[in-house]
N, C-alpha and C. Protein backbone atom coordinates (compact mmCIF):
# COMPACT_ATOMS: atom_id res chain seq x y z
N GLN A 1 91.75 110.06 133.10
CA GLN A 1 91.67 110.35 131.68
C GLN A 1 90.21 110.51 131.28
N VAL A 2 89.93 111.59 130.53
CA VAL A 2 88.56 111.84 130.11
C VAL A 2 88.19 110.93 128.96
N GLN A 3 87.00 110.35 129.03
CA GLN A 3 86.50 109.50 127.94
C GLN A 3 85.07 109.88 127.63
N LEU A 4 84.75 109.92 126.32
CA LEU A 4 83.39 110.16 125.85
C LEU A 4 82.99 108.94 125.03
N VAL A 5 81.84 108.38 125.34
CA VAL A 5 81.38 107.19 124.64
C VAL A 5 79.98 107.43 124.11
N GLU A 6 79.86 107.39 122.78
CA GLU A 6 78.55 107.56 122.15
C GLU A 6 77.83 106.22 122.00
N SER A 7 76.53 106.28 121.96
CA SER A 7 75.72 105.10 121.70
C SER A 7 74.39 105.55 121.11
N GLY A 8 73.65 104.59 120.57
CA GLY A 8 72.33 104.89 120.06
C GLY A 8 72.20 104.99 118.55
N GLY A 9 73.32 104.90 117.86
CA GLY A 9 73.25 104.95 116.40
C GLY A 9 72.59 103.70 115.85
N GLY A 10 72.26 103.75 114.57
CA GLY A 10 71.64 102.60 113.92
C GLY A 10 71.06 102.99 112.59
N SER A 11 70.24 102.10 112.07
CA SER A 11 69.59 102.32 110.79
C SER A 11 68.11 102.58 110.99
N VAL A 12 67.60 103.55 110.24
CA VAL A 12 66.20 103.92 110.37
C VAL A 12 65.71 104.41 109.01
N GLN A 13 64.43 104.30 108.78
CA GLN A 13 63.86 104.83 107.55
C GLN A 13 63.60 106.32 107.67
N ALA A 14 63.56 106.98 106.55
CA ALA A 14 63.27 108.41 106.54
C ALA A 14 61.96 108.68 107.26
N GLY A 15 61.98 109.74 108.06
CA GLY A 15 60.82 110.09 108.87
C GLY A 15 60.87 109.51 110.28
N GLY A 16 61.79 108.60 110.50
CA GLY A 16 61.91 107.97 111.80
C GLY A 16 62.72 108.78 112.79
N SER A 17 62.93 108.19 113.96
CA SER A 17 63.61 108.88 115.05
C SER A 17 64.70 107.98 115.65
N LEU A 18 65.71 108.62 116.20
CA LEU A 18 66.74 107.97 116.99
C LEU A 18 67.15 108.90 118.11
N ARG A 19 67.65 108.33 119.20
CA ARG A 19 68.23 109.14 120.26
C ARG A 19 69.65 108.67 120.51
N LEU A 20 70.57 109.60 120.36
CA LEU A 20 71.97 109.33 120.65
C LEU A 20 72.30 109.74 122.08
N SER A 21 73.22 109.01 122.67
CA SER A 21 73.71 109.34 124.02
C SER A 21 75.22 109.47 123.99
N CYS A 22 75.74 110.31 124.87
CA CYS A 22 77.18 110.46 125.03
C CYS A 22 77.47 110.51 126.52
N THR A 23 78.13 109.51 127.01
CA THR A 23 78.43 109.42 128.43
C THR A 23 79.90 109.75 128.67
N THR A 24 80.13 110.60 129.66
CA THR A 24 81.47 111.08 129.97
C THR A 24 81.97 110.49 131.27
N SER A 25 83.23 110.16 131.31
CA SER A 25 83.87 109.73 132.55
C SER A 25 85.23 110.41 132.66
N GLY A 26 85.72 110.52 133.88
CA GLY A 26 87.07 111.04 134.09
C GLY A 26 87.14 112.49 134.52
N ARG A 27 86.01 113.19 134.55
CA ARG A 27 86.03 114.55 135.06
C ARG A 27 84.61 114.96 135.43
N THR A 28 84.48 116.16 136.00
CA THR A 28 83.17 116.63 136.45
C THR A 28 82.36 117.11 135.26
N PHE A 29 81.44 116.30 134.84
CA PHE A 29 80.67 116.51 133.61
C PHE A 29 79.99 117.88 133.58
N SER A 30 79.42 118.28 134.69
CA SER A 30 78.57 119.47 134.73
C SER A 30 79.33 120.78 134.53
N ARG A 31 80.63 120.76 134.47
CA ARG A 31 81.41 121.97 134.30
C ARG A 31 81.72 122.30 132.84
N TYR A 32 81.39 121.39 131.93
CA TYR A 32 81.89 121.51 130.56
C TYR A 32 80.76 121.57 129.53
N ALA A 33 80.88 122.55 128.62
CA ALA A 33 79.97 122.61 127.48
C ALA A 33 80.25 121.43 126.55
N MET A 34 79.20 121.01 125.84
CA MET A 34 79.34 119.85 124.97
C MET A 34 78.54 120.05 123.70
N GLY A 35 78.77 119.17 122.73
CA GLY A 35 78.03 119.29 121.49
C GLY A 35 78.10 118.03 120.65
N TRP A 36 77.35 118.07 119.56
CA TRP A 36 77.33 116.99 118.59
C TRP A 36 77.80 117.51 117.23
N PHE A 37 78.57 116.69 116.57
CA PHE A 37 79.04 116.97 115.23
C PHE A 37 78.80 115.71 114.40
N ARG A 38 78.86 115.86 113.07
CA ARG A 38 78.68 114.69 112.23
C ARG A 38 79.56 114.79 110.99
N GLN A 39 79.86 113.63 110.44
CA GLN A 39 80.65 113.56 109.21
C GLN A 39 80.01 112.55 108.27
N ALA A 40 79.52 113.07 107.16
CA ALA A 40 78.92 112.22 106.14
C ALA A 40 80.02 111.68 105.22
N PRO A 41 79.76 110.59 104.54
CA PRO A 41 80.77 110.03 103.63
C PRO A 41 81.23 111.06 102.61
N GLY A 42 82.53 111.24 102.50
CA GLY A 42 83.09 112.15 101.52
C GLY A 42 82.97 113.62 101.87
N LYS A 43 82.52 113.93 103.08
CA LYS A 43 82.34 115.33 103.47
C LYS A 43 83.14 115.62 104.73
N GLU A 44 83.31 116.91 104.99
CA GLU A 44 84.00 117.31 106.20
C GLU A 44 83.04 117.21 107.40
N ARG A 45 83.65 117.08 108.57
CA ARG A 45 82.85 117.05 109.78
C ARG A 45 82.19 118.40 109.99
N GLU A 46 80.93 118.40 110.43
CA GLU A 46 80.19 119.64 110.61
C GLU A 46 79.49 119.68 111.95
N PHE A 47 79.26 120.89 112.39
CA PHE A 47 78.55 121.14 113.65
C PHE A 47 77.09 120.77 113.53
N VAL A 48 76.53 120.18 114.57
CA VAL A 48 75.11 119.83 114.61
C VAL A 48 74.39 120.62 115.70
N ALA A 49 74.89 120.52 116.93
CA ALA A 49 74.24 121.19 118.06
C ALA A 49 75.22 121.29 119.22
N ARG A 50 74.99 122.26 120.10
CA ARG A 50 75.80 122.37 121.29
C ARG A 50 74.93 122.81 122.46
N ILE A 51 75.46 122.55 123.65
CA ILE A 51 74.72 122.87 124.87
C ILE A 51 75.70 123.36 125.92
N SER A 52 75.28 124.34 126.68
CA SER A 52 76.14 124.90 127.72
C SER A 52 76.30 123.92 128.88
N TRP A 53 77.24 124.20 129.78
CA TRP A 53 77.53 123.28 130.86
C TRP A 53 76.33 123.05 131.77
N GLY A 54 75.51 124.06 131.94
CA GLY A 54 74.33 123.92 132.79
C GLY A 54 73.09 123.47 132.03
N GLY A 55 73.17 123.48 130.71
CA GLY A 55 72.04 123.05 129.90
C GLY A 55 71.07 124.16 129.54
N GLY A 56 71.34 125.38 130.00
CA GLY A 56 70.38 126.45 129.77
C GLY A 56 70.48 127.13 128.42
N SER A 57 71.55 126.85 127.67
CA SER A 57 71.74 127.47 126.37
C SER A 57 72.05 126.42 125.33
N THR A 58 71.37 126.50 124.20
CA THR A 58 71.59 125.55 123.11
C THR A 58 71.67 126.27 121.77
N ASP A 59 72.39 125.67 120.85
CA ASP A 59 72.48 126.17 119.48
C ASP A 59 72.37 124.99 118.52
N TYR A 60 71.84 125.27 117.32
CA TYR A 60 71.67 124.22 116.33
C TYR A 60 72.12 124.69 114.96
N ALA A 61 72.58 123.76 114.17
CA ALA A 61 72.79 124.04 112.76
C ALA A 61 71.44 124.23 112.09
N ASP A 62 71.39 125.09 111.09
CA ASP A 62 70.12 125.36 110.41
C ASP A 62 69.50 124.08 109.85
N SER A 63 70.33 123.16 109.42
CA SER A 63 69.85 121.95 108.77
C SER A 63 69.08 121.02 109.71
N VAL A 64 69.24 121.21 111.04
CA VAL A 64 68.57 120.31 111.99
C VAL A 64 67.59 121.03 112.90
N LYS A 65 67.51 122.35 112.79
CA LYS A 65 66.59 123.11 113.65
C LYS A 65 65.17 122.62 113.48
N GLY A 66 64.49 122.44 114.61
CA GLY A 66 63.11 121.98 114.57
C GLY A 66 62.95 120.48 114.48
N ARG A 67 64.06 119.77 114.21
CA ARG A 67 63.99 118.31 114.12
C ARG A 67 64.82 117.62 115.21
N PHE A 68 65.93 118.22 115.58
CA PHE A 68 66.83 117.65 116.58
C PHE A 68 66.74 118.45 117.88
N THR A 69 66.91 117.75 119.00
CA THR A 69 66.93 118.41 120.30
C THR A 69 68.11 117.88 121.11
N ILE A 70 68.96 118.80 121.55
CA ILE A 70 70.09 118.44 122.39
C ILE A 70 69.71 118.67 123.85
N SER A 71 70.17 117.78 124.72
CA SER A 71 69.89 117.92 126.14
C SER A 71 71.00 117.22 126.93
N ARG A 72 70.99 117.43 128.21
CA ARG A 72 71.97 116.77 129.06
C ARG A 72 71.37 116.50 130.42
N ASP A 73 71.87 115.43 131.05
CA ASP A 73 71.49 115.09 132.41
C ASP A 73 72.79 115.05 133.21
N ASN A 74 73.06 116.11 133.93
CA ASN A 74 74.33 116.21 134.65
C ASN A 74 74.45 115.18 135.77
N ALA A 75 73.33 114.71 136.27
CA ALA A 75 73.38 113.69 137.31
C ALA A 75 73.81 112.34 136.75
N LYS A 76 73.62 112.16 135.44
CA LYS A 76 73.98 110.89 134.80
C LYS A 76 75.23 111.02 133.92
N ASN A 77 75.84 112.21 133.94
CA ASN A 77 77.04 112.45 133.12
C ASN A 77 76.79 112.13 131.65
N THR A 78 75.62 112.43 131.18
CA THR A 78 75.23 112.04 129.83
C THR A 78 74.57 113.18 129.07
N MET A 79 74.94 113.30 127.79
CA MET A 79 74.32 114.24 126.87
C MET A 79 73.54 113.43 125.85
N TYR A 80 72.46 114.03 125.32
CA TYR A 80 71.61 113.33 124.38
C TYR A 80 71.40 114.16 123.11
N LEU A 81 71.04 113.47 122.05
CA LEU A 81 70.58 114.12 120.84
C LEU A 81 69.36 113.35 120.35
N GLN A 82 68.20 113.96 120.54
CA GLN A 82 66.97 113.37 120.03
C GLN A 82 66.79 113.83 118.59
N MET A 83 66.73 112.87 117.68
CA MET A 83 66.64 113.17 116.26
C MET A 83 65.31 112.67 115.72
N ASN A 84 64.49 113.58 115.27
CA ASN A 84 63.18 113.25 114.73
C ASN A 84 63.11 113.63 113.26
N THR A 85 62.14 113.08 112.58
CA THR A 85 61.93 113.36 111.15
C THR A 85 63.25 113.25 110.39
N LEU A 86 63.91 112.15 110.58
CA LEU A 86 65.21 111.96 109.95
C LEU A 86 65.11 111.88 108.44
N LYS A 87 66.14 112.40 107.79
CA LYS A 87 66.22 112.44 106.34
C LYS A 87 67.46 111.65 105.88
N PRO A 88 67.46 111.17 104.65
CA PRO A 88 68.66 110.48 104.16
C PRO A 88 69.93 111.31 104.29
N GLU A 89 69.81 112.62 104.15
CA GLU A 89 70.99 113.48 104.26
C GLU A 89 71.50 113.61 105.69
N ASP A 90 70.79 113.05 106.65
CA ASP A 90 71.30 113.00 108.03
C ASP A 90 72.25 111.82 108.24
N THR A 91 72.36 110.97 107.25
CA THR A 91 73.27 109.83 107.34
C THR A 91 74.70 110.31 107.55
N ALA A 92 75.33 109.82 108.62
CA ALA A 92 76.68 110.27 108.97
C ALA A 92 77.15 109.51 110.21
N VAL A 93 78.42 109.66 110.50
CA VAL A 93 78.95 109.27 111.80
C VAL A 93 78.79 110.48 112.72
N TYR A 94 78.16 110.27 113.84
CA TYR A 94 77.90 111.34 114.79
C TYR A 94 78.89 111.25 115.94
N TYR A 95 79.51 112.40 116.24
CA TYR A 95 80.51 112.47 117.29
C TYR A 95 80.07 113.42 118.38
N CYS A 96 80.33 113.09 119.62
CA CYS A 96 80.15 114.07 120.68
C CYS A 96 81.52 114.69 121.00
N LYS A 97 81.45 115.93 121.43
CA LYS A 97 82.65 116.70 121.72
C LYS A 97 82.42 117.46 123.01
N ALA A 98 83.47 117.54 123.81
CA ALA A 98 83.41 118.31 125.05
C ALA A 98 84.48 119.39 125.02
N ALA A 99 84.18 120.48 125.64
CA ALA A 99 85.15 121.57 125.73
C ALA A 99 86.36 121.14 126.56
N ILE A 100 87.50 121.72 126.22
CA ILE A 100 88.72 121.44 126.96
C ILE A 100 88.67 122.07 128.35
N ASN A 101 88.18 123.32 128.38
CA ASN A 101 88.18 124.08 129.63
C ASN A 101 86.76 124.20 130.20
N ALA A 102 86.70 124.31 131.50
CA ALA A 102 85.42 124.43 132.18
C ALA A 102 84.82 125.81 132.00
N TYR A 103 83.51 125.85 131.97
CA TYR A 103 82.75 127.10 131.98
C TYR A 103 83.07 128.04 130.81
N VAL A 104 83.34 127.47 129.65
CA VAL A 104 83.47 128.27 128.43
C VAL A 104 82.59 127.64 127.37
N PRO A 105 82.07 128.43 126.43
CA PRO A 105 81.25 127.85 125.36
C PRO A 105 82.04 126.87 124.50
N LEU A 106 81.36 125.89 123.97
CA LEU A 106 82.00 124.94 123.08
C LEU A 106 82.23 125.58 121.72
N SER A 107 83.46 125.46 121.23
CA SER A 107 83.74 125.97 119.90
C SER A 107 83.10 125.07 118.85
N VAL A 108 82.52 125.70 117.82
CA VAL A 108 81.93 124.93 116.74
C VAL A 108 82.89 124.78 115.57
N ASP A 109 84.07 125.39 115.68
CA ASP A 109 85.08 125.32 114.63
C ASP A 109 86.29 124.52 115.10
N GLY A 110 86.97 123.91 114.17
CA GLY A 110 88.23 123.24 114.46
C GLY A 110 88.05 121.93 115.21
N ASN A 111 89.16 121.35 115.53
CA ASN A 111 89.18 120.03 116.15
C ASN A 111 89.53 120.05 117.62
N VAL A 112 89.79 121.24 118.17
CA VAL A 112 90.21 121.30 119.57
C VAL A 112 89.05 120.90 120.47
N GLY A 113 89.30 119.95 121.36
CA GLY A 113 88.27 119.48 122.26
C GLY A 113 88.50 118.01 122.57
N VAL A 114 87.62 117.46 123.35
CA VAL A 114 87.67 116.03 123.67
C VAL A 114 86.58 115.35 122.86
N TRP A 115 86.95 114.35 122.08
CA TRP A 115 86.03 113.71 121.14
C TRP A 115 85.73 112.27 121.52
N GLY A 116 84.52 111.86 121.21
CA GLY A 116 84.17 110.45 121.30
C GLY A 116 84.59 109.73 120.04
N GLN A 117 84.29 108.44 120.01
CA GLN A 117 84.74 107.61 118.88
C GLN A 117 83.75 107.63 117.72
N GLY A 118 82.55 108.11 117.95
CA GLY A 118 81.55 108.21 116.90
C GLY A 118 80.58 107.05 116.89
N THR A 119 79.38 107.34 116.40
CA THR A 119 78.35 106.32 116.22
C THR A 119 77.66 106.57 114.89
N LEU A 120 77.43 105.51 114.13
CA LEU A 120 76.91 105.64 112.78
C LEU A 120 75.39 105.70 112.77
N VAL A 121 74.88 106.68 112.05
CA VAL A 121 73.44 106.81 111.81
C VAL A 121 73.21 106.69 110.31
N THR A 122 72.36 105.76 109.93
CA THR A 122 72.03 105.55 108.52
C THR A 122 70.53 105.71 108.33
N VAL A 123 70.17 106.63 107.44
CA VAL A 123 68.75 106.90 107.17
C VAL A 123 68.47 106.51 105.72
N SER A 124 67.57 105.59 105.54
CA SER A 124 67.24 105.13 104.20
C SER A 124 65.95 105.75 103.72
N SER A 125 65.87 105.94 102.41
CA SER A 125 64.68 106.57 101.83
C SER A 125 63.61 105.56 101.49
């Protein structure tokens, strides 16, 4: 059974940094595209960033470009999200998502995929 476990969330002041991790078990990590999404209180879940199975291609939401960096270490079965210059509006539960099928891009729409349980990021002003 595939499992995704996020870690690294917490509370930080505006301008600070956090690094989230998402560790996968139960299948060959390096075959699957992955990404990060977030859901702020009272809002719908939204796309943050995604990365191809090999790590050579990345995409970001406009709201995080230049501040967040997605990466992966296939040898450690782990994906990361380095978040710098955090803003109060980045406050949300952050979820990692993996593609259902191998060697296809991760969809940024809908709920289809394998999801982690989420980790809370709180940014205070």
